[in-house]
Amino acid sequence: MNIIFTINGGLGKSVAATAVCKAIKNNYPDSKLIVISGYPEVFQNNKVVDFAYAFGQEQYFYTKYIQGQEVKIFANEPYLVTEHILCKEHLIETWCKMFGIQYNGELPEVSINEREFQFFRNKYASDKPIMVIQTNGGAPNQDVKYSWSRDIPSHIVNSVIEEYSAKYNIFHIRREDQPQYNKTIPVHDSFKGIAVLLALSRKRLLIDSFCQHTAAALQQRSTTLWVVNSPKVFGYKIHDNILPNPENNTPDLRFSFYNKYSIIGAPNEFPYQSERDIFNIDTIMTSINNQ
């Protein structure tokens, strides 16, 4: 039987979907699993995925995998399921239940072959231990470069850099359209390149974006900061998940729909008096020190 698993959304969602792939194979061990996503490189070398396609590259797909064959299509959107909207369980569990698949705690997995690891290890050769930070997320070319609802406030980033830059080479995973910081090494690389960098790193400060999913897949404990999203839904127990301080301002929620806050960080929804009120910086520093 062919099982066709379609994944819409960003890179982090594709990394999380590798856990769903494992659950699919555990439930249908004799099936052929075909994945369609925006990030087929996430599924390369994955032992439970038979074929991975990018959207728009599925030439002759119907005749190859569907016509006249036994097939299951898993293409529903878990973000629109009640349990997800109400933050009742992890995304991976919701995804599996939506497809009628038994979930047994499967976690994401990223496969890196020996040549990939050697190539990128040479690329990221460092005279000091490596620290990796991801401070900002979201789609490219956003009008607002900093999202209070997801990103790390600049005063915290600068404090972390000042604390650790003498002993660590700090690699900053960022796109060219995102904020940059002094005393860091900007990283614009492929998914596998960033995965190897995370594997090589000694310390990690991350947000709820693809790096925290990837670090979990690689069993790399990280300090992960959360603002409006919940680690119960998107996070992993391996990480030190830092929650925000209680809100101290009344947000304007007139445009809220399925979610209380927009992940782009709408200014009218800001529920704090100041960005300095979002996190306790001492808690973050202690977490990083303990990695």
C-alpha atoms as a PDB file:
ATOM      1  CA  MET A   1       0.000   0.000   0.000  1.00  0.00           C
ATOM      2  CA  ASN A   2       1.155   3.529  -0.788  1.00  0.00           C
ATOM      3  CA  ILE A   3       0.719   6.123   1.978  1.00  0.00           C
ATOM      4  CA  ILE A   4       1.009   9.686   0.735  1.00  0.00           C
ATOM      5  CA  PHE A   5       1.751  12.165   3.511  1.00  0.00           C
ATOM      6  CA  THR A   6       1.438  15.847   2.589  1.00  0.00           C
ATOM      7  CA  ILE A   7       2.936  18.500   4.900  1.00  0.00           C
ATOM      8  CA  ASN A   8       2.094  22.163   4.457  1.00  0.00           C
ATOM      9  CA  GLY A   9       3.886  24.887   6.376  1.00  0.00           C
ATOM     10  CA  GLY A  10       7.389  25.765   7.452  1.00  0.00           C
ATOM     11  CA  LEU A  11      10.649  23.948   8.015  1.00  0.00           C
ATOM     12  CA  GLY A  12      10.034  23.264  11.698  1.00  0.00           C
ATOM     13  CA  LYS A  13       6.719  21.616  10.907  1.00  0.00           C
ATOM     14  CA  SER A  14       8.482  19.293   8.465  1.00  0.00           C
ATOM     15  CA  VAL A  15      11.025  18.331  11.125  1.00  0.00           C
ATOM     16  CA  ALA A  16       8.197  17.576  13.568  1.00  0.00           C
ATOM     17  CA  ALA A  17       6.532  15.548  10.809  1.00  0.00           C
ATOM     18  CA  THR A  18       9.426  13.066  10.830  1.00  0.00           C
ATOM     19  CA  ALA A  19       7.934  11.774  14.097  1.00  0.00           C
ATOM     20  CA  VAL A  20       4.592  11.298  12.349  1.00  0.00           C
ATOM     21  CA  CYS A  21       6.424   9.379   9.618  1.00  0.00           C
ATOM     22  CA  LYS A  22       7.792   6.998  12.262  1.00  0.00           C
ATOM     23  CA  ALA A  23       4.314   6.509  13.688  1.00  0.00           C
ATOM     24  CA  ILE A  24       2.904   5.834  10.223  1.00  0.00           C
ATOM     25  CA  LYS A  25       5.512   3.156   9.578  1.00  0.00           C
ATOM     26  CA  ASN A  26       4.987   1.644  13.031  1.00  0.00           C
ATOM     27  CA  ASN A  27       1.286   1.334  12.252  1.00  0.00           C
ATOM     28  CA  TYR A  28       1.734   0.306   8.603  1.00  0.00           C
ATOM     29  CA  PRO A  29       5.119  -1.465   8.506  1.00  0.00           C
ATOM     30  CA  ASP A  30       4.602  -2.967   5.049  1.00  0.00           C
ATOM     31  CA  SER A  31       3.521   0.270   3.396  1.00  0.00           C
ATOM     32  CA  LYS A  32       5.484   2.521   1.070  1.00  0.00           C
ATOM     33  CA  LEU A  33       5.624   6.054   2.534  1.00  0.00           C
ATOM     34  CA  ILE A  34       5.748   8.975   0.093  1.00  0.00           C
ATOM     35  CA  VAL A  35       6.169  12.461   1.578  1.00  0.00           C
ATOM     36  CA  ILE A  36       5.345  15.743  -0.150  1.00  0.00           C
ATOM     37  CA  SER A  37       6.502  18.957   1.539  1.00  0.00           C
ATOM     38  CA  GLY A  38       8.253  22.242   1.001  1.00  0.00           C
ATOM     39  CA  TYR A  39      11.439  20.776   2.528  1.00  0.00           C
ATOM     40  CA  PRO A  40      12.222  17.326   1.088  1.00  0.00           C
ATOM     41  CA  GLU A  41      15.817  17.591   2.363  1.00  0.00           C
ATOM     42  CA  VAL A  42      14.468  17.023   5.904  1.00  0.00           C
ATOM     43  CA  PHE A  43      13.466  13.495   4.878  1.00  0.00           C
ATOM     44  CA  GLN A  44      16.651  12.551   3.007  1.00  0.00           C
ATOM     45  CA  ASN A  45      18.261   9.348   4.341  1.00  0.00           C
ATOM     46  CA  ASN A  46      15.272   8.811   6.632  1.00  0.00           C
ATOM     47  CA  LYS A  47      14.901   5.053   6.946  1.00  0.00           C
ATOM     48  CA  VAL A  48      11.088   5.114   7.167  1.00  0.00           C
ATOM     49  CA  VAL A  49      10.511   7.430   4.175  1.00  0.00           C
ATOM     50  CA  ASP A  50      10.660   5.752   0.774  1.00  0.00           C
ATOM     51  CA  PHE A  51      10.374   8.881  -1.389  1.00  0.00           C
ATOM     52  CA  ALA A  52      10.324  12.620  -0.598  1.00  0.00           C
ATOM     53  CA  TYR A  53       9.034  15.179  -3.101  1.00  0.00           C
ATOM     54  CA  ALA A  54       8.917  18.970  -3.116  1.00  0.00           C
ATOM     55  CA  PHE A  55       5.696  20.730  -3.995  1.00  0.00           C
ATOM     56  CA  GLY A  56       5.587  21.322  -7.733  1.00  0.00           C
ATOM     57  CA  GLN A  57       7.940  18.453  -8.559  1.00  0.00           C
ATOM     58  CA  GLU A  58       5.432  15.591  -8.591  1.00  0.00           C
ATOM     59  CA  GLN A  59       5.545  14.799 -12.314  1.00  0.00           C
ATOM     60  CA  TYR A  60       3.497  11.687 -13.194  1.00  0.00           C
ATOM     61  CA  PHE A  61       2.709  11.320  -9.483  1.00  0.00           C
ATOM     62  CA  TYR A  62      -0.863  10.102  -9.980  1.00  0.00           C
ATOM     63  CA  THR A  63       0.033   7.339 -12.418  1.00  0.00           C
ATOM     64  CA  LYS A  64       3.056   6.290 -10.345  1.00  0.00           C
ATOM     65  CA  TYR A  65       1.497   6.121  -6.875  1.00  0.00           C
ATOM     66  CA  ILE A  66      -2.314   6.318  -7.068  1.00  0.00           C
ATOM     67  CA  GLN A  67      -3.863   4.990 -10.277  1.00  0.00           C
ATOM     68  CA  GLY A  68      -5.028   1.377  -9.840  1.00  0.00           C
ATOM     69  CA  GLN A  69      -3.174   0.969  -6.515  1.00  0.00           C
ATOM     70  CA  GLU A  70      -4.075   0.582  -2.858  1.00  0.00           C
ATOM     71  CA  VAL A  71      -3.466   3.984  -1.343  1.00  0.00           C
ATOM     72  CA  LYS A  72      -4.078   6.134   1.724  1.00  0.00           C
ATOM     73  CA  ILE A  73      -3.882   9.927   1.560  1.00  0.00           C
ATOM     74  CA  PHE A  74      -2.808  11.746   4.739  1.00  0.00           C
ATOM     75  CA  ALA A  75      -3.163  15.425   3.829  1.00  0.00           C
ATOM     76  CA  ASN A  76      -5.357  17.019   6.518  1.00  0.00           C
ATOM     77  CA  GLU A  77      -4.199  20.113   8.424  1.00  0.00           C
ATOM     78  CA  PRO A  78      -3.543  19.467  12.156  1.00  0.00           C
ATOM     79  CA  TYR A  79      -3.458  23.194  12.955  1.00  0.00           C
ATOM     80  CA  LEU A  80      -7.241  23.275  12.430  1.00  0.00           C
ATOM     81  CA  VAL A  81      -8.043  20.415  14.819  1.00  0.00           C
ATOM     82  CA  THR A  82      -9.855  21.345  18.053  1.00  0.00           C
ATOM     83  CA  GLU A  83      -7.270  19.716  20.338  1.00  0.00           C
ATOM     84  CA  HIS A  84      -4.511  21.736  18.704  1.00  0.00           C
ATOM     85  CA  ILE A  85      -6.333  25.057  18.819  1.00  0.00           C
ATOM     86  CA  LEU A  86      -7.141  24.511  22.497  1.00  0.00           C
ATOM     87  CA  CYS A  87      -3.521  23.447  23.232  1.00  0.00           C
ATOM     88  CA  LYS A  88      -4.599  20.136  24.748  1.00  0.00           C
ATOM     89  CA  GLU A  89      -1.734  17.987  23.423  1.00  0.00           C
ATOM     90  CA  HIS A  90       1.432  17.975  21.353  1.00  0.00           C
ATOM     91  CA  LEU A  91       1.143  18.687  17.635  1.00  0.00           C
ATOM     92  CA  ILE A  92       2.623  15.271  16.793  1.00  0.00           C
ATOM     93  CA  GLU A  93      -0.024  13.485  18.860  1.00  0.00           C
ATOM     94  CA  THR A  94      -2.821  15.533  17.276  1.00  0.00           C
ATOM     95  CA  TRP A  95      -1.427  14.776  13.817  1.00  0.00           C
ATOM     96  CA  CYS A  96      -1.401  11.038  14.472  1.00  0.00           C
ATOM     97  CA  LYS A  97      -4.883  10.956  15.995  1.00  0.00           C
ATOM     98  CA  MET A  98      -6.217  12.924  13.031  1.00  0.00           C
ATOM     99  CA  PHE A  99      -5.043  10.133  10.721  1.00  0.00           C
ATOM    100  CA  GLY A 100      -6.325   7.379  13.019  1.00  0.00           C
ATOM    101  CA  ILE A 101      -2.749   6.338  13.831  1.00  0.00           C
ATOM    102  CA  GLN A 102      -1.712   5.053  17.252  1.00  0.00           C
ATOM    103  CA  TYR A 103       0.818   7.419  18.796  1.00  0.00           C
ATOM    104  CA  ASN A 104       3.465   5.832  21.038  1.00  0.00           C
ATOM    105  CA  GLY A 105       5.593   8.863  21.851  1.00  0.00           C
ATOM    106  CA  GLU A 106       7.523   8.942  18.574  1.00  0.00           C
ATOM    107  CA  LEU A 107       9.938  11.882  18.345  1.00  0.00           C
ATOM    108  CA  PRO A 108      11.499  13.696  15.374  1.00  0.00           C
ATOM    109  CA  GLU A 109      14.554  12.214  13.721  1.00  0.00           C
ATOM    110  CA  VAL A 110      17.065  13.815  11.357  1.00  0.00           C
ATOM    111  CA  SER A 111      19.434  11.569   9.410  1.00  0.00           C
ATOM    112  CA  ILE A 112      22.904  12.866   8.520  1.00  0.00           C
ATOM    113  CA  ASN A 113      25.220  10.600   6.562  1.00  0.00           C
ATOM    114  CA  GLU A 114      28.965  10.424   7.170  1.00  0.00           C
ATOM    115  CA  ARG A 115      29.963  12.518   4.161  1.00  0.00           C
ATOM    116  CA  GLU A 116      27.497  15.257   5.053  1.00  0.00           C
ATOM    117  CA  PHE A 117      28.803  15.360   8.612  1.00  0.00           C
ATOM    118  CA  GLN A 118      32.449  15.482   7.543  1.00  0.00           C
ATOM    119  CA  PHE A 119      31.794  18.192   4.947  1.00  0.00           C
ATOM    120  CA  PHE A 120      29.988  20.533   7.311  1.00  0.00           C
ATOM    121  CA  ARG A 121      32.263  19.774  10.262  1.00  0.00           C
ATOM    122  CA  ASN A 122      35.168  21.058   8.192  1.00  0.00           C
ATOM    123  CA  LYS A 123      33.123  24.098   7.206  1.00  0.00           C
ATOM    124  CA  TYR A 124      32.424  24.948  10.849  1.00  0.00           C
ATOM    125  CA  ALA A 125      35.881  24.225  12.229  1.00  0.00           C
ATOM    126  CA  SER A 126      36.290  26.423  15.302  1.00  0.00           C
ATOM    127  CA  ASP A 127      39.169  27.378  17.595  1.00  0.00           C
ATOM    128  CA  LYS A 128      36.734  27.713  20.510  1.00  0.00           C
ATOM    129  CA  PRO A 129      33.670  25.746  21.605  1.00  0.00           C
ATOM    130  CA  ILE A 130      30.626  26.541  19.509  1.00  0.00           C
ATOM    131  CA  MET A 131      27.510  28.265  20.744  1.00  0.00           C
ATOM    132  CA  VAL A 132      24.483  28.485  18.449  1.00  0.00           C
ATOM    133  CA  ILE A 133      21.733  31.072  18.756  1.00  0.00           C
ATOM    134  CA  GLN A 134      18.547  31.503  16.759  1.00  0.00           C
ATOM    135  CA  THR A 135      16.942  34.785  17.754  1.00  0.00           C
ATOM    136  CA  ASN A 136      14.277  35.385  15.106  1.00  0.00           C
ATOM    137  CA  GLY A 137      11.899  33.304  13.033  1.00  0.00           C
ATOM    138  CA  GLY A 138       9.017  33.624  10.630  1.00  0.00           C
ATOM    139  CA  ALA A 139       8.607  33.983   6.894  1.00  0.00           C
ATOM    140  CA  PRO A 140      11.086  35.894   4.704  1.00  0.00           C
ATOM    141  CA  ASN A 141      10.769  39.643   4.121  1.00  0.00           C
ATOM    142  CA  GLN A 142       8.273  40.407   6.864  1.00  0.00           C
ATOM    143  CA  ASP A 143       7.426  44.064   7.383  1.00  0.00           C
ATOM    144  CA  VAL A 144       8.152  43.705  11.101  1.00  0.00           C
ATOM    145  CA  LYS A 145      11.617  42.227  11.641  1.00  0.00           C
ATOM    146  CA  TYR A 146      11.112  41.522  15.338  1.00  0.00           C
ATOM    147  CA  SER A 147       8.058  39.627  16.597  1.00  0.00           C
ATOM    148  CA  TRP A 148       7.486  40.110  20.324  1.00  0.00           C
ATOM    149  CA  SER A 149       5.357  36.937  20.299  1.00  0.00           C
ATOM    150  CA  ARG A 150       8.174  34.655  19.119  1.00  0.00           C
ATOM    151  CA  ASP A 151      11.599  36.309  18.923  1.00  0.00           C
ATOM    152  CA  ILE A 152      14.202  37.030  21.608  1.00  0.00           C
ATOM    153  CA  PRO A 153      14.303  40.671  22.779  1.00  0.00           C
ATOM    154  CA  SER A 154      17.505  42.393  21.679  1.00  0.00           C
ATOM    155  CA  HIS A 155      18.641  43.306  25.203  1.00  0.00           C
ATOM    156  CA  ILE A 156      18.681  39.596  26.104  1.00  0.00           C
ATOM    157  CA  VAL A 157      20.554  38.658  22.930  1.00  0.00           C
ATOM    158  CA  ASN A 158      23.186  41.332  23.576  1.00  0.00           C
ATOM    159  CA  SER A 159      23.601  40.248  27.193  1.00  0.00           C
ATOM    160  CA  VAL A 160      24.094  36.621  26.170  1.00  0.00           C
ATOM    161  CA  ILE A 161      26.639  37.607  23.542  1.00  0.00           C
ATOM    162  CA  GLU A 162      28.598  39.714  26.029  1.00  0.00           C
ATOM    163  CA  GLU A 163      28.576  36.859  28.553  1.00  0.00           C
ATOM    164  CA  TYR A 164      29.761  34.097  26.215  1.00  0.00           C
ATOM    165  CA  SER A 165      31.631  35.626  23.256  1.00  0.00           C
ATOM    166  CA  ALA A 166      35.027  35.479  24.977  1.00  0.00           C
ATOM    167  CA  LYS A 167      34.904  31.702  25.497  1.00  0.00           C
ATOM    168  CA  TYR A 168      32.703  30.622  22.583  1.00  0.00           C
ATOM    169  CA  ASN A 169      32.414  31.282  18.894  1.00  0.00           C
ATOM    170  CA  ILE A 170      28.758  32.277  18.639  1.00  0.00           C
ATOM    171  CA  PHE A 171      27.124  31.199  15.393  1.00  0.00           C
ATOM    172  CA  HIS A 172      23.937  33.147  14.722  1.00  0.00           C
ATOM    173  CA  ILE A 173      21.419  31.326  12.525  1.00  0.00           C
ATOM    174  CA  ARG A 174      19.627  34.038  10.593  1.00  0.00           C
ATOM    175  CA  ARG A 175      18.403  35.089   7.185  1.00  0.00           C
ATOM    176  CA  GLU A 176      19.828  38.189   5.567  1.00  0.00           C
ATOM    177  CA  ASP A 177      16.556  40.043   6.212  1.00  0.00           C
ATOM    178  CA  GLN A 178      16.719  39.387   9.970  1.00  0.00           C
ATOM    179  CA  PRO A 179      18.517  41.361  12.723  1.00  0.00           C
ATOM    180  CA  GLN A 180      22.251  40.810  13.056  1.00  0.00           C
ATOM    181  CA  TYR A 181      24.467  41.163  16.120  1.00  0.00           C
ATOM    182  CA  ASN A 182      28.096  42.066  16.685  1.00  0.00           C
ATOM    183  CA  LYS A 183      30.534  39.401  17.951  1.00  0.00           C
ATOM    184  CA  THR A 184      28.596  36.646  16.195  1.00  0.00           C
ATOM    185  CA  ILE A 185      29.193  34.633  13.039  1.00  0.00           C
ATOM    186  CA  PRO A 186      26.131  34.754  10.757  1.00  0.00           C
ATOM    187  CA  VAL A 187      24.997  31.419   9.349  1.00  0.00           C
ATOM    188  CA  HIS A 188      23.043  31.087   6.100  1.00  0.00           C
ATOM    189  CA  ASP A 189      23.160  27.418   5.197  1.00  0.00           C
ATOM    190  CA  SER A 190      21.199  24.399   4.048  1.00  0.00           C
ATOM    191  CA  PHE A 191      19.090  22.456   6.497  1.00  0.00           C
ATOM    192  CA  LYS A 192      21.689  19.686   6.771  1.00  0.00           C
ATOM    193  CA  GLY A 193      24.454  22.237   7.323  1.00  0.00           C
ATOM    194  CA  ILE A 194      22.579  23.811  10.217  1.00  0.00           C
ATOM    195  CA  ALA A 195      21.767  20.366  11.625  1.00  0.00           C
ATOM    196  CA  VAL A 196      25.476  19.488  11.701  1.00  0.00           C
ATOM    197  CA  LEU A 197      26.281  22.843  13.301  1.00  0.00           C
ATOM    198  CA  LEU A 198      23.740  22.122  16.045  1.00  0.00           C
ATOM    199  CA  ALA A 199      25.281  18.685  16.527  1.00  0.00           C
ATOM    200  CA  LEU A 200      28.749  20.249  16.893  1.00  0.00           C
ATOM    201  CA  SER A 201      27.654  22.977  19.303  1.00  0.00           C
ATOM    202  CA  ARG A 202      28.286  23.025  23.051  1.00  0.00           C
ATOM    203  CA  LYS A 203      25.551  25.521  23.962  1.00  0.00           C
ATOM    204  CA  ARG A 204      22.311  26.515  22.247  1.00  0.00           C
ATOM    205  CA  LEU A 205      19.848  29.394  22.774  1.00  0.00           C
ATOM    206  CA  LEU A 206      16.798  28.937  20.559  1.00  0.00           C
ATOM    207  CA  ILE A 207      13.232  30.043  19.949  1.00  0.00           C
ATOM    208  CA  ASP A 208      10.188  28.081  18.845  1.00  0.00           C
ATOM    209  CA  SER A 209      11.384  27.620  15.282  1.00  0.00           C
ATOM    210  CA  PHE A 210      12.966  24.867  13.200  1.00  0.00           C
ATOM    211  CA  CYS A 211      16.196  24.769  15.209  1.00  0.00           C
ATOM    212  CA  GLN A 212      14.524  23.649  18.425  1.00  0.00           C
ATOM    213  CA  HIS A 213      12.790  20.819  16.546  1.00  0.00           C
ATOM    214  CA  THR A 214      16.086  19.862  14.915  1.00  0.00           C
ATOM    215  CA  ALA A 215      18.035  20.032  18.177  1.00  0.00           C
ATOM    216  CA  ALA A 216      15.467  17.720  19.773  1.00  0.00           C
ATOM    217  CA  ALA A 217      15.780  15.319  16.838  1.00  0.00           C
ATOM    218  CA  LEU A 218      19.558  15.282  17.424  1.00  0.00           C
ATOM    219  CA  GLN A 219      19.157  14.860  21.211  1.00  0.00           C
ATOM    220  CA  GLN A 220      20.845  18.206  21.841  1.00  0.00           C
ATOM    221  CA  ARG A 221      19.453  19.809  24.990  1.00  0.00           C
ATOM    222  CA  SER A 222      18.871  23.518  24.406  1.00  0.00           C
ATOM    223  CA  THR A 223      17.602  26.604  26.180  1.00  0.00           C
ATOM    224  CA  THR A 224      14.389  27.376  24.306  1.00  0.00           C
ATOM    225  CA  LEU A 225      12.387  30.562  24.858  1.00  0.00           C
ATOM    226  CA  TRP A 226       8.598  30.624  24.488  1.00  0.00           C
ATOM    227  CA  VAL A 227       6.264  33.616  24.388  1.00  0.00           C
ATOM    228  CA  VAL A 228       2.796  32.877  22.971  1.00  0.00           C
ATOM    229  CA  ASN A 229       3.263  29.308  21.737  1.00  0.00           C
ATOM    230  CA  SER A 230       3.424  26.488  24.253  1.00  0.00           C
ATOM    231  CA  PRO A 231       6.107  23.819  24.698  1.00  0.00           C
ATOM    232  CA  LYS A 232       3.247  21.459  25.562  1.00  0.00           C
ATOM    233  CA  VAL A 233       2.148  21.757  21.930  1.00  0.00           C
ATOM    234  CA  PHE A 234       5.387  22.383  20.017  1.00  0.00           C
ATOM    235  CA  GLY A 235       8.221  21.643  22.439  1.00  0.00           C
ATOM    236  CA  TYR A 236      10.187  18.671  23.770  1.00  0.00           C
ATOM    237  CA  LYS A 237      11.079  17.529  27.274  1.00  0.00           C
ATOM    238  CA  ILE A 238      14.777  17.316  26.393  1.00  0.00           C
ATOM    239  CA  HIS A 239      14.949  21.123  26.259  1.00  0.00           C
ATOM    240  CA  ASP A 240      14.996  23.612  29.090  1.00  0.00           C
ATOM    241  CA  ASN A 241      11.811  25.415  28.057  1.00  0.00           C
ATOM    242  CA  ILE A 242      11.762  28.970  29.414  1.00  0.00           C
ATOM    243  CA  LEU A 243       8.263  30.442  29.745  1.00  0.00           C
ATOM    244  CA  PRO A 244       7.478  34.171  29.750  1.00  0.00           C
ATOM    245  CA  ASN A 245       6.663  36.230  32.795  1.00  0.00           C
ATOM    246  CA  PRO A 246       2.991  36.923  33.608  1.00  0.00           C
ATOM    247  CA  GLU A 247       1.434  39.555  31.366  1.00  0.00           C
ATOM    248  CA  ASN A 248       1.204  43.046  32.857  1.00  0.00           C
ATOM    249  CA  ASN A 249      -0.742  44.943  30.191  1.00  0.00           C
ATOM    250  CA  THR A 250      -4.176  44.543  28.573  1.00  0.00           C
ATOM    251  CA  PRO A 251      -3.874  43.412  24.929  1.00  0.00           C
ATOM    252  CA  ASP A 252      -6.237  44.425  22.130  1.00  0.00           C
ATOM    253  CA  LEU A 253      -7.663  41.135  20.855  1.00  0.00           C
ATOM    254  CA  ARG A 254     -10.288  42.453  18.438  1.00  0.00           C
ATOM    255  CA  PHE A 255      -8.693  40.600  15.493  1.00  0.00           C
ATOM    256  CA  SER A 256      -7.947  37.321  17.311  1.00  0.00           C
ATOM    257  CA  PHE A 257      -9.485  34.295  15.622  1.00  0.00           C
ATOM    258  CA  TYR A 258      -8.414  30.715  16.412  1.00  0.00           C
ATOM    259  CA  ASN A 259      -5.364  31.886  18.347  1.00  0.00           C
ATOM    260  CA  LYS A 260      -5.208  34.503  21.076  1.00  0.00           C
ATOM    261  CA  TYR A 261      -2.110  36.141  19.604  1.00  0.00           C
ATOM    262  CA  SER A 262      -0.682  36.433  16.122  1.00  0.00           C
ATOM    263  CA  ILE A 263       2.750  34.825  15.758  1.00  0.00           C
ATOM    264  CA  ILE A 264       3.891  37.832  13.697  1.00  0.00           C
ATOM    265  CA  GLY A 265       3.694  39.957  16.863  1.00  0.00           C
ATOM    266  CA  ALA A 266       0.915  42.447  16.140  1.00  0.00           C
ATOM    267  CA  PRO A 267       1.789  45.620  18.104  1.00  0.00           C
ATOM    268  CA  ASN A 268      -1.788  46.155  19.364  1.00  0.00           C
ATOM    269  CA  GLU A 269      -1.746  42.706  20.989  1.00  0.00           C
ATOM    270  CA  PHE A 270       1.404  43.306  23.051  1.00  0.00           C
ATOM    271  CA  PRO A 271       0.487  42.232  26.633  1.00  0.00           C
ATOM    272  CA  TYR A 272       3.469  43.785  28.437  1.00  0.00           C
ATOM    273  CA  GLN A 273       4.495  47.270  29.459  1.00  0.00           C
ATOM    274  CA  SER A 274       7.967  46.730  27.998  1.00  0.00           C
ATOM    275  CA  GLU A 275       9.970  44.098  26.124  1.00  0.00           C
ATOM    276  CA  ARG A 276      12.137  43.843  29.236  1.00  0.00           C
ATOM    277  CA  ASP A 277       9.119  42.468  31.086  1.00  0.00           C
ATOM    278  CA  ILE A 278       8.746  39.361  28.879  1.00  0.00           C
ATOM    279  CA  PHE A 279      11.569  37.216  30.296  1.00  0.00           C
ATOM    280  CA  ASN A 280      13.685  36.964  33.410  1.00  0.00           C
ATOM    281  CA  ILE A 281      17.216  37.207  32.041  1.00  0.00           C
ATOM    282  CA  ASP A 282      18.769  35.528  35.099  1.00  0.00           C
ATOM    283  CA  THR A 283      16.664  32.423  34.449  1.00  0.00           C
ATOM    284  CA  ILE A 284      17.919  32.304  30.862  1.00  0.00           C
ATOM    285  CA  MET A 285      21.569  32.721  31.877  1.00  0.00           C
ATOM    286  CA  THR A 286      21.283  29.979  34.485  1.00  0.00           C
ATOM    287  CA  SER A 287      19.769  27.635  31.920  1.00  0.00           C
ATOM    288  CA  ILE A 288      22.557  28.275  29.403  1.00  0.00           C
ATOM    289  CA  ASN A 289      25.224  27.806  32.069  1.00  0.00           C
ATOM    290  CA  ASN A 290      23.758  24.434  32.989  1.00  0.00           C
ATOM    291  CA  GLN A 291      23.887  22.990  29.462  1.00  0.00           C
END
